Amino acid sequence: MTVKSVSKRLAAAGLLGMTAAQSVWAALPTPVAPSTAPAAGDWIALIKGYIKDGGLVLGLAIAVLGFLWIAYL
């Protein structure tokens, strides 16, 4: 047998083993809704809420960096 055929057989056996084995995917938690609490199915409000929350987190991070910079001076 050549190296190429052994490699193909090993890959096929590995693929078969992965499909036959128990699922390894973790049960992911449900995402937390943004603080604006949009109605179910309102995707635009959901995106706006996440953008608002992201802006708040970014603003807090910039404020912390500002305080640290002033403390360093």
PDB file of N, CA and C in Angstrom:
ATOM      1  N   MET A   1       0.840  -1.185   0.000  1.00  0.00           N
ATOM      2  CA  MET A   1       0.000   0.000   0.000  1.00  0.00           C
ATOM      3  C   MET A   1       0.877   1.237   0.000  1.00  0.00           C
ATOM      4  N   THR A   2       0.403   2.227  -0.699  1.00  0.00           N
ATOM      5  CA  THR A   2       1.148   3.475  -0.728  1.00  0.00           C
ATOM      6  C   THR A   2       0.691   4.370   0.423  1.00  0.00           C
ATOM      7  N   VAL A   3       1.471   5.372   0.654  1.00  0.00           N
ATOM      8  CA  VAL A   3       1.157   6.305   1.735  1.00  0.00           C
ATOM      9  C   VAL A   3      -0.151   7.035   1.433  1.00  0.00           C
ATOM     10  N   LYS A   4      -0.378   7.335   0.168  1.00  0.00           N
ATOM     11  CA  LYS A   4      -1.581   8.061  -0.224  1.00  0.00           C
ATOM     12  C   LYS A   4      -2.846   7.239   0.056  1.00  0.00           C
ATOM     13  N   SER A   5      -2.818   5.964  -0.265  1.00  0.00           N
ATOM     14  CA  SER A   5      -4.002   5.130  -0.032  1.00  0.00           C
ATOM     15  C   SER A   5      -4.223   4.890   1.461  1.00  0.00           C
ATOM     16  N   VAL A   6      -3.139   4.764   2.214  1.00  0.00           N
ATOM     17  CA  VAL A   6      -3.270   4.603   3.668  1.00  0.00           C
ATOM     18  C   VAL A   6      -3.868   5.867   4.272  1.00  0.00           C
ATOM     19  N   SER A   7      -3.429   7.011   3.785  1.00  0.00           N
ATOM     20  CA  SER A   7      -3.946   8.277   4.289  1.00  0.00           C
ATOM     21  C   SER A   7      -5.435   8.414   3.988  1.00  0.00           C
ATOM     22  N   LYS A   8      -5.848   8.021   2.786  1.00  0.00           N
ATOM     23  CA  LYS A   8      -7.264   8.089   2.417  1.00  0.00           C
ATOM     24  C   LYS A   8      -8.095   7.147   3.276  1.00  0.00           C
ATOM     25  N   ARG A   9      -7.586   5.938   3.508  1.00  0.00           N
ATOM     26  CA  ARG A   9      -8.324   4.973   4.324  1.00  0.00           C
ATOM     27  C   ARG A   9      -8.426   5.446   5.775  1.00  0.00           C
ATOM     28  N   LEU A  10      -7.360   6.016   6.273  1.00  0.00           N
ATOM     29  CA  LEU A  10      -7.374   6.531   7.639  1.00  0.00           C
ATOM     30  C   LEU A  10      -8.351   7.697   7.770  1.00  0.00           C
ATOM     31  N   ALA A  11      -8.379   8.575   6.779  1.00  0.00           N
ATOM     32  CA  ALA A  11      -9.320   9.696   6.801  1.00  0.00           C
ATOM     33  C   ALA A  11     -10.757   9.199   6.735  1.00  0.00           C
ATOM     34  N   ALA A  12     -11.016   8.196   5.900  1.00  0.00           N
ATOM     35  CA  ALA A  12     -12.368   7.640   5.794  1.00  0.00           C
ATOM     36  C   ALA A  12     -12.784   6.968   7.095  1.00  0.00           C
ATOM     37  N   ALA A  13     -11.864   6.239   7.722  1.00  0.00           N
ATOM     38  CA  ALA A  13     -12.175   5.584   8.993  1.00  0.00           C
ATOM     39  C   ALA A  13     -12.432   6.622  10.084  1.00  0.00           C
ATOM     40  N   GLY A  14     -11.649   7.679  10.092  1.00  0.00           N
ATOM     41  CA  GLY A  14     -11.856   8.744  11.074  1.00  0.00           C
ATOM     42  C   GLY A  14     -13.189   9.440  10.886  1.00  0.00           C
ATOM     43  N   LEU A  15     -13.555   9.681   9.625  1.00  0.00           N
ATOM     44  CA  LEU A  15     -14.839  10.318   9.339  1.00  0.00           C
ATOM     45  C   LEU A  15     -15.999   9.422   9.752  1.00  0.00           C
ATOM     46  N   LEU A  16     -15.875   8.140   9.473  1.00  0.00           N
ATOM     47  CA  LEU A  16     -16.909   7.190   9.873  1.00  0.00           C
ATOM     48  C   LEU A  16     -17.021   7.128  11.395  1.00  0.00           C
ATOM     49  N   GLY A  17     -15.884   7.130  12.067  1.00  0.00           N
ATOM     50  CA  GLY A  17     -15.897   7.099  13.528  1.00  0.00           C
ATOM     51  C   GLY A  17     -16.520   8.343  14.128  1.00  0.00           C
ATOM     52  N   MET A  18     -16.263   9.490  13.514  1.00  0.00           N
ATOM     53  CA  MET A  18     -16.837  10.738  14.022  1.00  0.00           C
ATOM     54  C   MET A  18     -18.344  10.786  13.820  1.00  0.00           C
ATOM     55  N   THR A  19     -18.823  10.255  12.692  1.00  0.00           N
ATOM     56  CA  THR A  19     -20.268  10.287  12.447  1.00  0.00           C
ATOM     57  C   THR A  19     -20.998   9.246  13.281  1.00  0.00           C
ATOM     58  N   ALA A  20     -20.349   8.130  13.581  1.00  0.00           N
ATOM     59  CA  ALA A  20     -21.000   7.071  14.343  1.00  0.00           C
ATOM     60  C   ALA A  20     -20.943   7.335  15.844  1.00  0.00           C
ATOM     61  N   ALA A  21     -19.986   8.146  16.274  1.00  0.00           N
ATOM     62  CA  ALA A  21     -19.817   8.400  17.709  1.00  0.00           C
ATOM     63  C   ALA A  21     -20.914   9.325  18.223  1.00  0.00           C
ATOM     64  N   GLN A  22     -21.001   9.384  19.520  1.00  0.00           N
ATOM     65  CA  GLN A  22     -21.980  10.256  20.159  1.00  0.00           C
ATOM     66  C   GLN A  22     -21.657  11.706  19.818  1.00  0.00           C
ATOM     67  N   SER A  23     -22.678  12.518  19.717  1.00  0.00           N
ATOM     68  CA  SER A  23     -22.499  13.926  19.372  1.00  0.00           C
ATOM     69  C   SER A  23     -21.643  14.620  20.432  1.00  0.00           C
ATOM     70  N   VAL A  24     -20.685  15.398  19.974  1.00  0.00           N
ATOM     71  CA  VAL A  24     -19.783  16.077  20.904  1.00  0.00           C
ATOM     72  C   VAL A  24     -20.135  17.552  21.055  1.00  0.00           C
ATOM     73  N   TRP A  25     -21.220  17.983  20.423  1.00  0.00           N
ATOM     74  CA  TRP A  25     -21.603  19.387  20.528  1.00  0.00           C
ATOM     75  C   TRP A  25     -22.168  19.660  21.916  1.00  0.00           C
ATOM     76  N   ALA A  26     -21.744  20.757  22.491  1.00  0.00           N
ATOM     77  CA  ALA A  26     -22.215  21.124  23.825  1.00  0.00           C
ATOM     78  C   ALA A  26     -23.596  21.765  23.726  1.00  0.00           C
ATOM     79  N   ALA A  27     -24.342  21.670  24.781  1.00  0.00           N
ATOM     80  CA  ALA A  27     -25.631  22.347  24.842  1.00  0.00           C
ATOM     81  C   ALA A  27     -25.361  23.811  25.160  1.00  0.00           C
ATOM     82  N   LEU A  28     -25.563  24.664  24.180  1.00  0.00           N
ATOM     83  CA  LEU A  28     -25.256  26.074  24.351  1.00  0.00           C
ATOM     84  C   LEU A  28     -26.364  26.770  25.137  1.00  0.00           C
ATOM     85  N   PRO A  29     -26.011  27.747  25.974  1.00  0.00           N
ATOM     86  CA  PRO A  29     -27.038  28.469  26.719  1.00  0.00           C
ATOM     87  C   PRO A  29     -27.802  29.418  25.796  1.00  0.00           C
ATOM     88  N   THR A  30     -28.986  29.807  26.214  1.00  0.00           N
ATOM     89  CA  THR A  30     -29.748  30.763  25.418  1.00  0.00           C
ATOM     90  C   THR A  30     -29.147  32.149  25.613  1.00  0.00           C
ATOM     91  N   PRO A  31     -29.111  32.967  24.555  1.00  0.00           N
ATOM     92  CA  PRO A  31     -28.526  34.302  24.691  1.00  0.00           C
ATOM     93  C   PRO A  31     -29.402  35.211  25.553  1.00  0.00           C
ATOM     94  N   VAL A  32     -28.767  36.130  26.211  1.00  0.00           N
ATOM     95  CA  VAL A  32     -29.474  37.076  27.063  1.00  0.00           C
ATOM     96  C   VAL A  32     -30.011  38.201  26.188  1.00  0.00           C
ATOM     97  N   ALA A  33     -31.259  38.566  26.394  1.00  0.00           N
ATOM     98  CA  ALA A  33     -31.858  39.663  25.632  1.00  0.00           C
ATOM     99  C   ALA A  33     -31.240  40.990  26.062  1.00  0.00           C
ATOM    100  N   PRO A  34     -31.212  41.978  25.172  1.00  0.00           N
ATOM    101  CA  PRO A  34     -30.662  43.278  25.558  1.00  0.00           C
ATOM    102  C   PRO A  34     -31.538  43.967  26.605  1.00  0.00           C
ATOM    103  N   SER A  35     -31.014  45.022  27.183  1.00  0.00           N
ATOM    104  CA  SER A  35     -31.709  45.697  28.280  1.00  0.00           C
ATOM    105  C   SER A  35     -32.988  46.390  27.837  1.00  0.00           C
ATOM    106  N   THR A  36     -33.178  46.604  26.529  1.00  0.00           N
ATOM    107  CA  THR A  36     -34.391  47.273  26.053  1.00  0.00           C
ATOM    108  C   THR A  36     -35.584  46.341  26.006  1.00  0.00           C
ATOM    109  N   ALA A  37     -35.381  45.032  26.108  1.00  0.00           N
ATOM    110  CA  ALA A  37     -36.424  44.002  26.122  1.00  0.00           C
ATOM    111  C   ALA A  37     -37.405  44.149  24.963  1.00  0.00           C
ATOM    112  N   PRO A  38     -36.945  43.897  23.727  1.00  0.00           N
ATOM    113  CA  PRO A  38     -37.846  44.018  22.575  1.00  0.00           C
ATOM    114  C   PRO A  38     -38.873  42.888  22.544  1.00  0.00           C
ATOM    115  N   ALA A  39     -39.932  43.106  21.785  1.00  0.00           N
ATOM    116  CA  ALA A  39     -40.971  42.087  21.640  1.00  0.00           C
ATOM    117  C   ALA A  39     -40.421  40.901  20.860  1.00  0.00           C
ATOM    118  N   ALA A  40     -41.028  39.751  21.034  1.00  0.00           N
ATOM    119  CA  ALA A  40     -40.580  38.541  20.342  1.00  0.00           C
ATOM    120  C   ALA A  40     -40.751  38.716  18.835  1.00  0.00           C
ATOM    121  N   GLY A  41     -39.708  38.426  18.087  1.00  0.00           N
ATOM    122  CA  GLY A  41     -39.755  38.525  16.634  1.00  0.00           C
ATOM    123  C   GLY A  41     -39.391  39.889  16.085  1.00  0.00           C
ATOM    124  N   ASP A  42     -39.169  40.872  16.938  1.00  0.00           N
ATOM    125  CA  ASP A  42     -38.799  42.214  16.473  1.00  0.00           C
ATOM    126  C   ASP A  42     -37.280  42.293  16.366  1.00  0.00           C
ATOM    127  N   TRP A  43     -36.770  41.892  15.209  1.00  0.00           N
ATOM    128  CA  TRP A  43     -35.324  41.789  15.018  1.00  0.00           C
ATOM    129  C   TRP A  43     -34.639  43.146  15.006  1.00  0.00           C
ATOM    130  N   ILE A  44     -35.288  44.163  14.457  1.00  0.00           N
ATOM    131  CA  ILE A  44     -34.684  45.497  14.400  1.00  0.00           C
ATOM    132  C   ILE A  44     -34.490  46.044  15.814  1.00  0.00           C
ATOM    133  N   ALA A  45     -35.507  45.914  16.652  1.00  0.00           N
ATOM    134  CA  ALA A  45     -35.381  46.380  18.038  1.00  0.00           C
ATOM    135  C   ALA A  45     -34.334  45.563  18.791  1.00  0.00           C
ATOM    136  N   LEU A  46     -34.239  44.275  18.473  1.00  0.00           N
ATOM    137  CA  LEU A  46     -33.236  43.429  19.118  1.00  0.00           C
ATOM    138  C   LEU A  46     -31.827  43.904  18.768  1.00  0.00           C
ATOM    139  N   ILE A  47     -31.599  44.181  17.486  1.00  0.00           N
ATOM    140  CA  ILE A  47     -30.284  44.656  17.042  1.00  0.00           C
ATOM    141  C   ILE A  47     -29.989  46.026  17.644  1.00  0.00           C
ATOM    142  N   LYS A  48     -30.991  46.901  17.663  1.00  0.00           N
ATOM    143  CA  LYS A  48     -30.796  48.223  18.267  1.00  0.00           C
ATOM    144  C   LYS A  48     -30.447  48.097  19.750  1.00  0.00           C
ATOM    145  N   GLY A  49     -31.097  47.165  20.435  1.00  0.00           N
ATOM    146  CA  GLY A  49     -30.808  46.955  21.851  1.00  0.00           C
ATOM    147  C   GLY A  49     -29.391  46.471  22.086  1.00  0.00           C
ATOM    148  N   TYR A  50     -28.944  45.520  21.246  1.00  0.00           N
ATOM    149  CA  TYR A  50     -27.566  45.040  21.385  1.00  0.00           C
ATOM    150  C   TYR A  50     -26.561  46.142  21.066  1.00  0.00           C
ATOM    151  N   ILE A  51     -26.864  46.983  20.069  1.00  0.00           N
ATOM    152  CA  ILE A  51     -25.966  48.100  19.741  1.00  0.00           C
ATOM    153  C   ILE A  51     -25.920  49.085  20.904  1.00  0.00           C
ATOM    154  N   LYS A  52     -27.078  49.353  21.513  1.00  0.00           N
ATOM    155  CA  LYS A  52     -27.115  50.262  22.665  1.00  0.00           C
ATOM    156  C   LYS A  52     -26.295  49.700  23.822  1.00  0.00           C
ATOM    157  N   ASP A  53     -26.489  48.431  24.127  1.00  0.00           N
ATOM    158  CA  ASP A  53     -25.724  47.808  25.212  1.00  0.00           C
ATOM    159  C   ASP A  53     -24.233  47.795  24.901  1.00  0.00           C
ATOM    160  N   GLY A  54     -23.882  47.532  23.646  1.00  0.00           N
ATOM    161  CA  GLY A  54     -22.475  47.559  23.252  1.00  0.00           C
ATOM    162  C   GLY A  54     -21.876  48.944  23.395  1.00  0.00           C
ATOM    163  N   GLY A  55     -22.663  49.969  23.042  1.00  0.00           N
ATOM    164  CA  GLY A  55     -22.192  51.346  23.207  1.00  0.00           C
ATOM    165  C   GLY A  55     -21.971  51.696  24.667  1.00  0.00           C
ATOM    166  N   LEU A  56     -22.860  51.213  25.532  1.00  0.00           N
ATOM    167  CA  LEU A  56     -22.686  51.463  26.968  1.00  0.00           C
ATOM    168  C   LEU A  56     -21.419  50.799  27.500  1.00  0.00           C
ATOM    169  N   VAL A  57     -21.184  49.568  27.085  1.00  0.00           N
ATOM    170  CA  VAL A  57     -19.977  48.856  27.534  1.00  0.00           C
ATOM    171  C   VAL A  57     -18.731  49.552  27.006  1.00  0.00           C
ATOM    172  N   LEU A  58     -18.770  49.972  25.738  1.00  0.00           N
ATOM    173  CA  LEU A  58     -17.622  50.678  25.159  1.00  0.00           C
ATOM    174  C   LEU A  58     -17.382  51.999  25.883  1.00  0.00           C
ATOM    175  N   GLY A  59     -18.451  52.721  26.197  1.00  0.00           N
ATOM    176  CA  GLY A  59     -18.309  53.974  26.933  1.00  0.00           C
ATOM    177  C   GLY A  59     -17.723  53.764  28.319  1.00  0.00           C
ATOM    178  N   LEU A  60     -18.168  52.716  28.998  1.00  0.00           N
ATOM    179  CA  LEU A  60     -17.604  52.421  30.317  1.00  0.00           C
ATOM    180  C   LEU A  60     -16.129  52.046  30.225  1.00  0.00           C
ATOM    181  N   ALA A  61     -15.757  51.294  29.182  1.00  0.00           N
ATOM    182  CA  ALA A  61     -14.351  50.922  29.006  1.00  0.00           C
ATOM    183  C   ALA A  61     -13.496  52.157  28.742  1.00  0.00           C
ATOM    184  N   ILE A  62     -13.998  53.081  27.929  1.00  0.00           N
ATOM    185  CA  ILE A  62     -13.253  54.318  27.656  1.00  0.00           C
ATOM    186  C   ILE A  62     -13.130  55.149  28.927  1.00  0.00           C
ATOM    187  N   ALA A  63     -14.186  55.201  29.740  1.00  0.00           N
ATOM    188  CA  ALA A  63     -14.128  55.947  30.997  1.00  0.00           C
ATOM    189  C   ALA A  63     -13.101  55.345  31.951  1.00  0.00           C
ATOM    190  N   VAL A  64     -13.062  54.020  32.037  1.00  0.00           N
ATOM    191  CA  VAL A  64     -12.078  53.354  32.900  1.00  0.00           C
ATOM    192  C   VAL A  64     -10.670  53.657  32.419  1.00  0.00           C
ATOM    193  N   LEU A  65     -10.452  53.588  31.106  1.00  0.00           N
ATOM    194  CA  LEU A  65      -9.126  53.917  30.571  1.00  0.00           C
ATOM    195  C   LEU A  65      -8.762  55.368  30.857  1.00  0.00           C
ATOM    196  N   GLY A  66      -9.737  56.269  30.792  1.00  0.00           N
ATOM    197  CA  GLY A  66      -9.480  57.671  31.123  1.00  0.00           C
ATOM    198  C   GLY A  66      -9.081  57.846  32.578  1.00  0.00           C
ATOM    199  N   PHE A  67      -9.800  57.178  33.477  1.00  0.00           N
ATOM    200  CA  PHE A  67      -9.443  57.258  34.895  1.00  0.00           C
ATOM    201  C   PHE A  67      -8.051  56.690  35.154  1.00  0.00           C
ATOM    202  N   LEU A  68      -7.729  55.577  34.502  1.00  0.00           N
ATOM    203  CA  LEU A  68      -6.402  54.988  34.686  1.00  0.00           C
ATOM    204  C   LEU A  68      -5.312  55.896  34.137  1.00  0.00           C
ATOM    205  N   TRP A  69      -5.605  56.569  33.032  1.00  0.00           N
ATOM    206  CA  TRP A  69      -4.617  57.474  32.444  1.00  0.00           C
ATOM    207  C   TRP A  69      -4.374  58.668  33.372  1.00  0.00           C
ATOM    208  N   ILE A  70      -5.453  59.223  33.926  1.00  0.00           N
ATOM    209  CA  ILE A  70      -5.313  60.345  34.859  1.00  0.00           C
ATOM    210  C   ILE A  70      -4.575  59.891  36.121  1.00  0.00           C
ATOM    211  N   ALA A  71      -4.866  58.696  36.604  1.00  0.00           N
ATOM    212  CA  ALA A  71      -4.184  58.187  37.797  1.00  0.00           C
ATOM    213  C   ALA A  71      -2.701  57.974  37.523  1.00  0.00           C
ATOM    214  N   TYR A  72      -2.354  57.615  36.284  1.00  0.00           N
ATOM    215  CA  TYR A  72      -0.958  57.385  35.929  1.00  0.00           C
ATOM    216  C   TYR A  72      -0.181  58.695  35.898  1.00  0.00           C
ATOM    217  N   LEU A  73      -0.851  59.771  35.467  1.00  0.00           N
ATOM    218  CA  LEU A  73      -0.177  61.072  35.386  1.00  0.00           C
ATOM    219  C   LEU A  73       0.035  61.598  36.773  1.00  0.00           C
TER     220      LEU A  73
END
